Every structure is written in structure tokens, then in C-alpha cells.
Amino acid sequence: MYKFIGSHKFLCYLQITFATMKYISLIAIALIVSFSSCKRDNIKTQQQWGDIFKKHGIDSACFELADNSHDQVFLYNLDRCSRRFTPASTFKIFNSLVALETNIAPDENLIIKWDGITRSRNEWNKDMNMREAFKVSCLPYYQELARRIGAVEMQKWIDTIRYGNKHIGGEIDMFWLNDTLKITPDEQVGFMKKLYFDKLPMSQRSQRIVRSLMLQEDSTNYRLYYKTGTNFNDSLHKTLVWIVGFVERKETQKAVLTKKEETNYKPYFYAMNFETTDTTMNTMDVRKAILKEILKERQIIK
């Protein structure tokens, strides 16, 4: 048997229910606004960085810098930071990780013999190990590494890590150069952060070795890690230029208990890319100069 509520009591019940729902809705809206505000406050647009690029004759560029200690992101050109581009030689970071993790390369000392083909970059025309190949960005070495890894294994790791658009197509030794695989600068920054904190689904050993490959400068005040990438588009007559990595700012202070000086490292993660039609530009020097100008402007390095 159902027990019916009197009309007066039923109206009171509805009023209370609607009031409660309205109250809950207001709380939900307030929380959404609060979280949205936090997200907006977390991202700082840096329009002045455009002047640095223009000084070097570049008008199509972006830069994203993540300050891990303060949970802030500084960026120039949000639209471009959110667009996917071919990773070019920055993919050597990922390629090295997979080779180490699958034991295709037992360690960074794996030597791959020179195939005897003379190429325009003389430093590529010899036998070399992974550390040497990474330093000079030797394409033939990493193409052979990719062939040894194979399409099935490579695709598995790209899917697992969710690298960019996750496409490798049918050319196992060209997909990071021919616009098949693409990744955003923002995704590059996220990838760097995971690599730094051993958060990739790979062994700490593999990640530690690759970080060591990326170390380019170890100065008194900072340690700078990066990998560059360059890709020329024949149809557009444009060169795509990348530099991605992280920097550790050294901070020395006295320990509270021991009173001895201790050095701490504060990490910042970054990705920059730009395009240029200037075939005479020394893109290697320009990208490094821009990177350091921005890091100095943020007072990360001196």
C-alpha cells in the first residue's frame, strides 16, 4: 500500500527540495569558476618574447616554459604551442628510450657501423655509439636503430606513452621526418616533465641514460639539457626548427641542521619551434641564442 503525502506537506517538500538543488548548483558553479580561475592564473602569456624572435628575423614562432616549483606556465603564441608539427630530430629522445628499454641498445655504448655512404655532414661518416650519435644528431644511426626496433614494437611504445598523434605510417625509418608523426610544443613539454621525474612507463635506468645524453651545458649556475630538430619543407620552402628540453637552476644554501652548504636544483621545462624561409640562417646558433635570451629574461640563468 502506498501512503500519500498531504498537498500542503507535498508543496513544502518540493520547496525544500528545489532550494537544496539550487544550493548544490550554486556550489558546483562556484567550484567550476574557481577551478577555471586557477587554470587561467596558472598560464602567463609573454608577448614580449615575440620581440626576441623578431630581432632574429623570425615572425612564426612559439615558446612554452613550465616552472615546476611554482606550477606556472609561461608561453608565447598559444595557438602555435597547441598545433602539431613533425618532431624531426627531437624524436631521437624517444627513439633512444625505446632502444634502451627493449635492449636493442644494451646501453648508450652500442656501436652501429657506418654504412659506407658519404654524407654532407662529415661527422656522420664513421662508426659511432649512441652517445656520439645523439650529440651530432646522426640520422643514419637512428634510422638503423628504428629498423632494429621494428614497427610493431615502436608503435606499441608510441601508443603506451601517447606520443603526439601516435601515427608512424609505413616507413619505419622516416615517420618522424615526413609529417606522419606529429606533436605539439605543449606535448613536448609534458613529455620532458615525465622524463625528468622518471614518470614514463619505462625503467629509471633508461630514463636516466637519456637524460644524460641530453646534457649540453653544466655551468656554475645551471645545467642545460636539450635536443634540437630541423626539417626542411620542399613544397613550402620553409625550415621548421625545434629545441626541447629542460634546465636546472642551481641554488646553494645552508642546511638548517648541519649548517653545511647544499646545492638544490630547480627544474624548468621548455619547447620552442619556429619556421623560417631564410636559407642562410644559422638555425643552430639562432635557436640557442633565443633560448638563452628567454631563460635570462626569466632570471633562470645568468
C-alpha atoms as a PDB file:
ATOM      1  CA  MET A   1       0.000   0.000   0.000  1.00  0.00           C
ATOM      2  CA  TYR A   2       1.293   3.499  -0.918  1.00  0.00           C
ATOM      3  CA  LYS A   3       0.984   6.254   1.685  1.00  0.00           C
ATOM      4  CA  PHE A   4       0.201   9.612   0.014  1.00  0.00           C
ATOM      5  CA  ILE A   5       1.510  12.932   1.380  1.00  0.00           C
ATOM      6  CA  GLY A   6      -0.977  15.748   2.000  1.00  0.00           C
ATOM      7  CA  SER A   7      -0.958  18.542  -0.590  1.00  0.00           C
ATOM      8  CA  HIS A   8       0.385  21.166   1.834  1.00  0.00           C
ATOM      9  CA  LYS A   9       3.159  18.908   3.049  1.00  0.00           C
ATOM     10  CA  PHE A  10       3.960  17.895  -0.526  1.00  0.00           C
ATOM     11  CA  LEU A  11       4.374  21.550  -1.594  1.00  0.00           C
ATOM     12  CA  CYS A  12       6.653  22.197   1.368  1.00  0.00           C
ATOM     13  CA  TYR A  13       8.665  19.109   0.409  1.00  0.00           C
ATOM     14  CA  LEU A  14       9.047  20.385  -3.170  1.00  0.00           C
ATOM     15  CA  GLN A  15      10.138  23.826  -1.969  1.00  0.00           C
ATOM     16  CA  ILE A  16      12.794  22.332   0.294  1.00  0.00           C
ATOM     17  CA  THR A  17      13.996  20.002  -2.494  1.00  0.00           C
ATOM     18  CA  PHE A  18      14.241  22.805  -5.058  1.00  0.00           C
ATOM     19  CA  ALA A  19      16.047  25.033  -2.556  1.00  0.00           C
ATOM     20  CA  THR A  20      18.536  22.243  -1.829  1.00  0.00           C
ATOM     21  CA  MET A  21      19.123  21.600  -5.536  1.00  0.00           C
ATOM     22  CA  LYS A  22      19.606  25.313  -6.156  1.00  0.00           C
ATOM     23  CA  TYR A  23      22.117  25.484  -3.307  1.00  0.00           C
ATOM     24  CA  ILE A  24      24.051  22.491  -4.669  1.00  0.00           C
ATOM     25  CA  SER A  25      24.023  24.003  -8.177  1.00  0.00           C
ATOM     26  CA  LEU A  26      25.402  27.288  -6.866  1.00  0.00           C
ATOM     27  CA  ILE A  27      28.210  25.420  -5.080  1.00  0.00           C
ATOM     28  CA  ALA A  28      29.007  23.480  -8.263  1.00  0.00           C
ATOM     29  CA  ILE A  29      29.086  26.671 -10.334  1.00  0.00           C
ATOM     30  CA  ALA A  30      31.310  28.351  -7.757  1.00  0.00           C
ATOM     31  CA  LEU A  31      33.728  25.412  -7.835  1.00  0.00           C
ATOM     32  CA  ILE A  32      33.856  25.408 -11.638  1.00  0.00           C
ATOM     33  CA  VAL A  33      34.551  29.141 -11.701  1.00  0.00           C
ATOM     34  CA  SER A  34      37.181  28.703  -9.010  1.00  0.00           C
ATOM     35  CA  PHE A  35      38.989  25.916 -10.887  1.00  0.00           C
ATOM     36  CA  SER A  36      38.759  27.847 -14.160  1.00  0.00           C
ATOM     37  CA  SER A  37      40.251  30.906 -12.496  1.00  0.00           C
ATOM     38  CA  CYS A  38      43.086  28.798 -11.101  1.00  0.00           C
ATOM     39  CA  LYS A  39      43.770  27.415 -14.552  1.00  0.00           C
ATOM     40  CA  ARG A  40      43.831  30.880 -16.104  1.00  0.00           C
ATOM     41  CA  ASP A  41      46.080  32.235 -13.358  1.00  0.00           C
ATOM     42  CA  ASN A  42      48.437  29.318 -13.983  1.00  0.00           C
ATOM     43  CA  ILE A  43      49.160  30.394 -17.585  1.00  0.00           C
ATOM     44  CA  LYS A  44      51.094  33.606 -18.220  1.00  0.00           C
ATOM     45  CA  THR A  45      51.268  34.985 -21.760  1.00  0.00           C
ATOM     46  CA  GLN A  46      54.630  36.530 -22.626  1.00  0.00           C
ATOM     47  CA  GLN A  47      54.045  38.754 -25.652  1.00  0.00           C
ATOM     48  CA  GLN A  48      57.448  40.418 -25.204  1.00  0.00           C
ATOM     49  CA  TRP A  49      59.132  37.182 -26.307  1.00  0.00           C
ATOM     50  CA  GLY A  50      57.879  37.981 -29.800  1.00  0.00           C
ATOM     51  CA  ASP A  51      60.394  40.843 -29.905  1.00  0.00           C
ATOM     52  CA  ILE A  52      63.228  38.367 -29.287  1.00  0.00           C
ATOM     53  CA  PHE A  53      62.163  36.266 -32.271  1.00  0.00           C
ATOM     54  CA  LYS A  54      61.660  39.330 -34.487  1.00  0.00           C
ATOM     55  CA  LYS A  55      65.142  40.549 -33.611  1.00  0.00           C
ATOM     56  CA  HIS A  56      66.409  37.367 -35.253  1.00  0.00           C
ATOM     57  CA  GLY A  57      64.158  37.800 -38.286  1.00  0.00           C
ATOM     58  CA  ILE A  58      61.510  35.272 -37.205  1.00  0.00           C
ATOM     59  CA  ASP A  59      57.785  36.014 -37.244  1.00  0.00           C
ATOM     60  CA  SER A  60      56.336  32.479 -36.998  1.00  0.00           C
ATOM     61  CA  ALA A  61      57.328  31.021 -33.635  1.00  0.00           C
ATOM     62  CA  CYS A  62      56.257  29.826 -30.209  1.00  0.00           C
ATOM     63  CA  PHE A  63      57.839  29.139 -26.842  1.00  0.00           C
ATOM     64  CA  GLU A  64      56.452  27.337 -23.795  1.00  0.00           C
ATOM     65  CA  LEU A  65      58.200  27.283 -20.426  1.00  0.00           C
ATOM     66  CA  ALA A  66      56.913  25.369 -17.386  1.00  0.00           C
ATOM     67  CA  ASP A  67      58.099  26.438 -13.922  1.00  0.00           C
ATOM     68  CA  ASN A  68      57.670  23.279 -11.887  1.00  0.00           C
ATOM     69  CA  SER A  69      58.417  24.838  -8.487  1.00  0.00           C
ATOM     70  CA  HIS A  70      55.607  27.397  -8.796  1.00  0.00           C
ATOM     71  CA  ASP A  71      53.283  25.356 -11.033  1.00  0.00           C
ATOM     72  CA  GLN A  72      53.203  28.065 -13.675  1.00  0.00           C
ATOM     73  CA  VAL A  73      53.379  28.007 -17.460  1.00  0.00           C
ATOM     74  CA  PHE A  74      54.772  30.915 -19.472  1.00  0.00           C
ATOM     75  CA  LEU A  75      54.150  30.961 -23.184  1.00  0.00           C
ATOM     76  CA  TYR A  76      54.347  32.935 -26.361  1.00  0.00           C
ATOM     77  CA  ASN A  77      51.823  32.170 -29.123  1.00  0.00           C
ATOM     78  CA  LEU A  78      49.283  29.817 -27.528  1.00  0.00           C
ATOM     79  CA  ASP A  79      47.816  28.831 -30.891  1.00  0.00           C
ATOM     80  CA  ARG A  80      51.128  27.558 -32.230  1.00  0.00           C
ATOM     81  CA  CYS A  81      52.008  25.850 -28.936  1.00  0.00           C
ATOM     82  CA  SER A  82      48.805  23.830 -29.396  1.00  0.00           C
ATOM     83  CA  ARG A  83      49.481  22.816 -33.026  1.00  0.00           C
ATOM     84  CA  ARG A  84      51.197  19.578 -34.018  1.00  0.00           C
ATOM     85  CA  PHE A  85      54.359  19.536 -36.111  1.00  0.00           C
ATOM     86  CA  THR A  86      56.741  16.831 -37.233  1.00  0.00           C
ATOM     87  CA  PRO A  87      59.188  16.273 -34.333  1.00  0.00           C
ATOM     88  CA  ALA A  88      62.229  15.944 -36.628  1.00  0.00           C
ATOM     89  CA  SER A  89      65.362  15.086 -34.650  1.00  0.00           C
ATOM     90  CA  THR A  90      63.763  15.777 -31.267  1.00  0.00           C
ATOM     91  CA  PHE A  91      62.325  12.261 -31.786  1.00  0.00           C
ATOM     92  CA  LYS A  92      65.814  10.909 -31.087  1.00  0.00           C
ATOM     93  CA  ILE A  93      64.932  11.314 -27.396  1.00  0.00           C
ATOM     94  CA  PHE A  94      62.053   8.874 -27.763  1.00  0.00           C
ATOM     95  CA  ASN A  95      63.969   6.604 -30.146  1.00  0.00           C
ATOM     96  CA  SER A  96      66.815   6.305 -27.624  1.00  0.00           C
ATOM     97  CA  LEU A  97      64.411   5.447 -24.808  1.00  0.00           C
ATOM     98  CA  VAL A  98      62.740   2.649 -26.784  1.00  0.00           C
ATOM     99  CA  ALA A  99      66.066   1.215 -27.950  1.00  0.00           C
ATOM    100  CA  LEU A 100      67.322   1.050 -24.358  1.00  0.00           C
ATOM    101  CA  GLU A 101      64.075  -0.261 -22.919  1.00  0.00           C
ATOM    102  CA  THR A 102      63.805  -3.080 -25.497  1.00  0.00           C
ATOM    103  CA  ASN A 103      67.504  -3.940 -25.134  1.00  0.00           C
ATOM    104  CA  ILE A 104      68.076  -3.241 -28.822  1.00  0.00           C
ATOM    105  CA  ALA A 105      70.721  -0.999 -27.304  1.00  0.00           C
ATOM    106  CA  PRO A 106      72.102  -2.647 -24.125  1.00  0.00           C
ATOM    107  CA  ASP A 107      73.417   0.787 -23.156  1.00  0.00           C
ATOM    108  CA  GLU A 108      74.498   4.077 -24.694  1.00  0.00           C
ATOM    109  CA  ASN A 109      77.727   2.469 -25.923  1.00  0.00           C
ATOM    110  CA  LEU A 110      76.020   0.444 -28.674  1.00  0.00           C
ATOM    111  CA  ILE A 111      78.122   0.911 -31.807  1.00  0.00           C
ATOM    112  CA  ILE A 112      76.447   0.935 -35.217  1.00  0.00           C
ATOM    113  CA  LYS A 113      78.837   0.577 -38.132  1.00  0.00           C
ATOM    114  CA  TRP A 114      78.995   3.280 -40.779  1.00  0.00           C
ATOM    115  CA  ASP A 115      77.239   2.059 -43.943  1.00  0.00           C
ATOM    116  CA  GLY A 116      79.973   3.490 -46.153  1.00  0.00           C
ATOM    117  CA  ILE A 117      77.754   6.148 -47.738  1.00  0.00           C
ATOM    118  CA  THR A 118      79.456   9.546 -47.671  1.00  0.00           C
ATOM    119  CA  ARG A 119      77.071  12.245 -46.458  1.00  0.00           C
ATOM    120  CA  SER A 120      77.336  16.035 -46.335  1.00  0.00           C
ATOM    121  CA  ARG A 121      77.918  16.040 -42.588  1.00  0.00           C
ATOM    122  CA  ASN A 122      81.410  14.602 -42.173  1.00  0.00           C
ATOM    123  CA  GLU A 123      80.855  13.774 -38.503  1.00  0.00           C
ATOM    124  CA  TRP A 124      78.273  11.157 -39.581  1.00  0.00           C
ATOM    125  CA  ASN A 125      80.733   9.249 -41.796  1.00  0.00           C
ATOM    126  CA  LYS A 126      82.137   6.837 -39.223  1.00  0.00           C
ATOM    127  CA  ASP A 127      81.211   4.109 -36.751  1.00  0.00           C
ATOM    128  CA  MET A 128      79.721   5.589 -33.606  1.00  0.00           C
ATOM    129  CA  ASN A 129      77.875   4.779 -30.396  1.00  0.00           C
ATOM    130  CA  MET A 130      74.566   6.234 -29.194  1.00  0.00           C
ATOM    131  CA  ARG A 131      76.130   8.995 -27.126  1.00  0.00           C
ATOM    132  CA  GLU A 132      78.169  10.205 -30.089  1.00  0.00           C
ATOM    133  CA  ALA A 133      75.209   9.845 -32.472  1.00  0.00           C
ATOM    134  CA  PHE A 134      72.920  11.824 -30.171  1.00  0.00           C
ATOM    135  CA  LYS A 135      75.463  14.608 -29.820  1.00  0.00           C
ATOM    136  CA  VAL A 136      75.854  15.095 -33.595  1.00  0.00           C
ATOM    137  CA  SER A 137      72.220  14.137 -34.308  1.00  0.00           C
ATOM    138  CA  CYS A 138      73.294  11.353 -36.658  1.00  0.00           C
ATOM    139  CA  LEU A 139      70.249  10.454 -38.764  1.00  0.00           C
ATOM    140  CA  PRO A 140      71.629   7.181 -40.268  1.00  0.00           C
ATOM    141  CA  TYR A 141      72.385   5.840 -36.773  1.00  0.00           C
ATOM    142  CA  TYR A 142      68.857   6.492 -35.540  1.00  0.00           C
ATOM    143  CA  GLN A 143      67.268   5.215 -38.738  1.00  0.00           C
ATOM    144  CA  GLU A 144      69.078   1.926 -38.241  1.00  0.00           C
ATOM    145  CA  LEU A 145      68.040   1.920 -34.586  1.00  0.00           C
ATOM    146  CA  ALA A 146      64.387   2.340 -35.630  1.00  0.00           C
ATOM    147  CA  ARG A 147      64.684  -0.509 -38.164  1.00  0.00           C
ATOM    148  CA  ARG A 148      66.060  -2.799 -35.472  1.00  0.00           C
ATOM    149  CA  ILE A 149      63.248  -1.838 -33.083  1.00  0.00           C
ATOM    150  CA  GLY A 150      60.660  -2.549 -35.779  1.00  0.00           C
ATOM    151  CA  ALA A 151      57.236  -1.097 -36.498  1.00  0.00           C
ATOM    152  CA  VAL A 152      55.265  -3.287 -34.058  1.00  0.00           C
ATOM    153  CA  GLU A 153      57.454  -2.510 -31.057  1.00  0.00           C
ATOM    154  CA  MET A 154      57.772   1.166 -31.964  1.00  0.00           C
ATOM    155  CA  GLN A 155      54.008   1.567 -32.348  1.00  0.00           C
ATOM    156  CA  LYS A 156      53.446  -0.166 -29.009  1.00  0.00           C
ATOM    157  CA  TRP A 157      55.627   2.346 -27.167  1.00  0.00           C
ATOM    158  CA  ILE A 158      54.225   5.337 -29.013  1.00  0.00           C
ATOM    159  CA  ASP A 159      50.712   4.215 -28.057  1.00  0.00           C
ATOM    160  CA  THR A 160      51.753   3.497 -24.459  1.00  0.00           C
ATOM    161  CA  ILE A 161      53.347   6.906 -23.945  1.00  0.00           C
ATOM    162  CA  ARG A 162      50.744   8.637 -26.159  1.00  0.00           C
ATOM    163  CA  TYR A 163      53.362  10.485 -28.117  1.00  0.00           C
ATOM    164  CA  GLY A 164      51.745  13.158 -30.287  1.00  0.00           C
ATOM    165  CA  ASN A 165      49.239  11.893 -32.845  1.00  0.00           C
ATOM    166  CA  LYS A 166      50.668   8.336 -32.468  1.00  0.00           C
ATOM    167  CA  HIS A 167      50.977   7.749 -36.236  1.00  0.00           C
ATOM    168  CA  ILE A 168      54.060   6.055 -37.724  1.00  0.00           C
ATOM    169  CA  GLY A 169      52.702   5.023 -41.137  1.00  0.00           C
ATOM    170  CA  GLY A 170      54.613   2.588 -43.334  1.00  0.00           C
ATOM    171  CA  GLU A 171      58.177   3.935 -43.252  1.00  0.00           C
ATOM    172  CA  ILE A 172      59.822   2.840 -40.023  1.00  0.00           C
ATOM    173  CA  ASP A 173      62.931   4.953 -40.685  1.00  0.00           C
ATOM    174  CA  MET A 174      61.228   8.170 -41.855  1.00  0.00           C
ATOM    175  CA  PHE A 175      57.952   8.691 -39.974  1.00  0.00           C
ATOM    176  CA  TRP A 176      59.338  11.392 -37.634  1.00  0.00           C
ATOM    177  CA  LEU A 177      60.575  13.396 -40.630  1.00  0.00           C
ATOM    178  CA  ASN A 178      57.814  13.145 -43.258  1.00  0.00           C
ATOM    179  CA  ASP A 179      54.865  14.650 -41.334  1.00  0.00           C
ATOM    180  CA  THR A 180      53.401  11.247 -40.411  1.00  0.00           C
ATOM    181  CA  LEU A 181      54.166  11.583 -36.697  1.00  0.00           C
ATOM    182  CA  LYS A 182      53.335  14.986 -35.241  1.00  0.00           C
ATOM    183  CA  ILE A 183      53.489  16.518 -31.770  1.00  0.00           C
ATOM    184  CA  THR A 184      52.661  19.902 -30.217  1.00  0.00           C
ATOM    185  CA  PRO A 185      55.177  22.020 -28.299  1.00  0.00           C
ATOM    186  CA  ASP A 186      52.863  21.664 -25.294  1.00  0.00           C
ATOM    187  CA  GLU A 187      53.009  17.857 -25.589  1.00  0.00           C
ATOM    188  CA  GLN A 188      56.798  18.082 -25.835  1.00  0.00           C
ATOM    189  CA  VAL A 189      56.881  19.975 -22.528  1.00  0.00           C
ATOM    190  CA  GLY A 190      54.720  17.302 -20.892  1.00  0.00           C
ATOM    191  CA  PHE A 191      56.998  14.581 -22.280  1.00  0.00           C
ATOM    192  CA  MET A 192      60.075  16.360 -20.894  1.00  0.00           C
ATOM    193  CA  LYS A 193      58.495  16.682 -17.465  1.00  0.00           C
ATOM    194  CA  LYS A 194      57.697  12.965 -17.305  1.00  0.00           C
ATOM    195  CA  LEU A 195      61.208  12.069 -18.462  1.00  0.00           C
ATOM    196  CA  TYR A 196      62.776  14.304 -15.818  1.00  0.00           C
ATOM    197  CA  PHE A 197      60.781  12.826 -12.927  1.00  0.00           C
ATOM    198  CA  ASP A 198      61.031   9.172 -14.108  1.00  0.00           C
ATOM    199  CA  LYS A 199      57.280   9.157 -14.780  1.00  0.00           C
ATOM    200  CA  LEU A 200      57.392   7.487 -18.188  1.00  0.00           C
ATOM    201  CA  PRO A 201      56.330   3.795 -18.251  1.00  0.00           C
ATOM    202  CA  MET A 202      59.955   2.759 -18.669  1.00  0.00           C
ATOM    203  CA  SER A 203      62.782   1.834 -16.351  1.00  0.00           C
ATOM    204  CA  GLN A 204      64.511   4.537 -14.355  1.00  0.00           C
ATOM    205  CA  ARG A 205      67.769   3.355 -15.920  1.00  0.00           C
ATOM    206  CA  SER A 206      66.594   4.061 -19.484  1.00  0.00           C
ATOM    207  CA  GLN A 207      65.302   7.485 -18.495  1.00  0.00           C
ATOM    208  CA  ARG A 208      68.484   8.319 -16.582  1.00  0.00           C
ATOM    209  CA  ILE A 209      70.691   7.407 -19.546  1.00  0.00           C
ATOM    210  CA  VAL A 210      68.657   9.514 -21.978  1.00  0.00           C
ATOM    211  CA  ARG A 211      68.721  12.496 -19.626  1.00  0.00           C
ATOM    212  CA  SER A 212      72.500  12.190 -19.561  1.00  0.00           C
ATOM    213  CA  LEU A 213      72.559  12.187 -23.383  1.00  0.00           C
ATOM    214  CA  MET A 214      70.628  15.469 -23.350  1.00  0.00           C
ATOM    215  CA  LEU A 215      73.021  17.332 -21.035  1.00  0.00           C
ATOM    216  CA  GLN A 216      74.637  20.078 -23.140  1.00  0.00           C
ATOM    217  CA  GLU A 217      75.949  22.584 -20.587  1.00  0.00           C
ATOM    218  CA  ASP A 218      76.974  22.200 -16.956  1.00  0.00           C
ATOM    219  CA  SER A 219      77.901  25.612 -15.601  1.00  0.00           C
ATOM    220  CA  THR A 220      78.283  27.146 -12.161  1.00  0.00           C
ATOM    221  CA  ASN A 221      74.671  28.359 -12.031  1.00  0.00           C
ATOM    222  CA  TYR A 222      72.717  25.913 -14.174  1.00  0.00           C
ATOM    223  CA  ARG A 223      72.609  22.665 -16.143  1.00  0.00           C
ATOM    224  CA  LEU A 224      71.053  22.844 -19.600  1.00  0.00           C
ATOM    225  CA  TYR A 225      69.565  19.803 -21.351  1.00  0.00           C
ATOM    226  CA  TYR A 226      68.113  19.766 -24.842  1.00  0.00           C
ATOM    227  CA  LYS A 227      67.695  18.127 -28.223  1.00  0.00           C
ATOM    228  CA  THR A 228      67.382  20.116 -31.414  1.00  0.00           C
ATOM    229  CA  GLY A 229      65.470  19.261 -34.566  1.00  0.00           C
ATOM    230  CA  THR A 230      65.371  20.722 -38.074  1.00  0.00           C
ATOM    231  CA  ASN A 231      63.147  19.827 -41.003  1.00  0.00           C
ATOM    232  CA  PHE A 232      63.001  21.466 -44.450  1.00  0.00           C
ATOM    233  CA  ASN A 233      59.663  21.525 -46.268  1.00  0.00           C
ATOM    234  CA  ASP A 234      60.357  21.466 -50.023  1.00  0.00           C
ATOM    235  CA  SER A 235      56.843  22.420 -51.081  1.00  0.00           C
ATOM    236  CA  LEU A 236      56.618  25.428 -48.744  1.00  0.00           C
ATOM    237  CA  HIS A 237      60.337  26.293 -48.902  1.00  0.00           C
ATOM    238  CA  LYS A 238      60.344  26.630 -45.125  1.00  0.00           C
ATOM    239  CA  THR A 239      62.579  25.202 -42.425  1.00  0.00           C
ATOM    240  CA  LEU A 240      60.998  24.019 -39.177  1.00  0.00           C
ATOM    241  CA  VAL A 241      63.318  24.490 -36.204  1.00  0.00           C
ATOM    242  CA  TRP A 242      62.901  22.835 -32.770  1.00  0.00           C
ATOM    243  CA  ILE A 243      64.661  22.869 -29.427  1.00  0.00           C
ATOM    244  CA  VAL A 244      63.131  20.979 -26.479  1.00  0.00           C
ATOM    245  CA  GLY A 245      64.421  20.038 -23.054  1.00  0.00           C
ATOM    246  CA  PHE A 246      64.803  21.293 -19.510  1.00  0.00           C
ATOM    247  CA  VAL A 247      67.108  23.417 -17.412  1.00  0.00           C
ATOM    248  CA  GLU A 248      68.091  23.027 -13.774  1.00  0.00           C
ATOM    249  CA  ARG A 249      68.850  26.217 -11.887  1.00  0.00           C
ATOM    250  CA  LYS A 250      71.429  25.619  -9.169  1.00  0.00           C
ATOM    251  CA  GLU A 251      70.681  27.169  -5.792  1.00  0.00           C
ATOM    252  CA  THR A 252      73.155  26.907  -2.923  1.00  0.00           C
ATOM    253  CA  GLN A 253      72.036  27.409   0.668  1.00  0.00           C
ATOM    254  CA  LYS A 254      72.974  26.320   4.185  1.00  0.00           C
ATOM    255  CA  ALA A 255      71.155  23.331   5.606  1.00  0.00           C
ATOM    256  CA  VAL A 256      69.149  24.076   8.754  1.00  0.00           C
ATOM    257  CA  LEU A 257      70.553  21.203  10.802  1.00  0.00           C
ATOM    258  CA  THR A 258      74.096  20.665   9.512  1.00  0.00           C
ATOM    259  CA  LYS A 259      74.751  24.319   8.583  1.00  0.00           C
ATOM    260  CA  LYS A 260      76.644  22.968   5.575  1.00  0.00           C
ATOM    261  CA  GLU A 261      76.097  24.350   2.104  1.00  0.00           C
ATOM    262  CA  GLU A 262      73.782  22.270  -0.052  1.00  0.00           C
ATOM    263  CA  THR A 263      73.011  22.599  -3.755  1.00  0.00           C
ATOM    264  CA  ASN A 264      69.424  22.219  -4.917  1.00  0.00           C
ATOM    265  CA  TYR A 265      68.218  22.049  -8.494  1.00  0.00           C
ATOM    266  CA  LYS A 266      65.001  23.696  -9.639  1.00  0.00           C
ATOM    267  CA  PRO A 267      63.767  22.329 -12.975  1.00  0.00           C
ATOM    268  CA  TYR A 268      62.086  24.231 -15.799  1.00  0.00           C
ATOM    269  CA  PHE A 269      60.773  22.503 -18.928  1.00  0.00           C
ATOM    270  CA  TYR A 270      60.577  24.092 -22.355  1.00  0.00           C
ATOM    271  CA  ALA A 271      59.798  23.640 -26.026  1.00  0.00           C
ATOM    272  CA  MET A 272      60.379  26.115 -28.816  1.00  0.00           C
ATOM    273  CA  ASN A 273      59.796  25.941 -32.523  1.00  0.00           C
ATOM    274  CA  PHE A 274      59.785  28.387 -35.378  1.00  0.00           C
ATOM    275  CA  GLU A 275      59.729  28.425 -39.161  1.00  0.00           C
ATOM    276  CA  THR A 276      61.924  30.431 -41.491  1.00  0.00           C
ATOM    277  CA  THR A 277      62.340  30.875 -45.238  1.00  0.00           C
ATOM    278  CA  ASP A 278      65.867  32.263 -44.758  1.00  0.00           C
ATOM    279  CA  THR A 279      68.157  29.566 -46.151  1.00  0.00           C
ATOM    280  CA  THR A 280      71.252  31.451 -44.965  1.00  0.00           C
ATOM    281  CA  MET A 281      70.214  31.468 -41.302  1.00  0.00           C
ATOM    282  CA  ASN A 282      72.448  29.544 -38.910  1.00  0.00           C
ATOM    283  CA  THR A 283      69.463  27.908 -37.208  1.00  0.00           C
ATOM    284  CA  MET A 284      71.607  26.050 -34.674  1.00  0.00           C
ATOM    285  CA  ASP A 285      73.105  29.243 -33.272  1.00  0.00           C
ATOM    286  CA  VAL A 286      69.860  31.235 -33.538  1.00  0.00           C
ATOM    287  CA  ARG A 287      67.736  28.759 -31.595  1.00  0.00           C
ATOM    288  CA  LYS A 288      70.314  28.521 -28.815  1.00  0.00           C
ATOM    289  CA  ALA A 289      70.603  32.305 -28.642  1.00  0.00           C
ATOM    290  CA  ILE A 290      66.820  32.731 -28.376  1.00  0.00           C
ATOM    291  CA  LEU A 291      66.567  30.003 -25.741  1.00  0.00           C
ATOM    292  CA  LYS A 292      69.207  31.654 -23.571  1.00  0.00           C
ATOM    293  CA  GLU A 293      67.720  35.126 -24.009  1.00  0.00           C
ATOM    294  CA  ILE A 294      64.362  33.880 -22.745  1.00  0.00           C
ATOM    295  CA  LEU A 295      65.902  31.941 -19.863  1.00  0.00           C
ATOM    296  CA  LYS A 296      67.873  35.039 -18.868  1.00  0.00           C
ATOM    297  CA  GLU A 297      64.779  37.221 -19.129  1.00  0.00           C
ATOM    298  CA  ARG A 298      63.071  34.856 -16.664  1.00  0.00           C
ATOM    299  CA  GLN A 299      66.246  35.006 -14.489  1.00  0.00           C
ATOM    300  CA  ILE A 300      66.676  31.238 -14.677  1.00  0.00           C
ATOM    301  CA  ILE A 301      70.225  31.518 -15.959  1.00  0.00           C
ATOM    302  CA  LYS A 302      72.741  34.348 -15.815  1.00  0.00           C
END
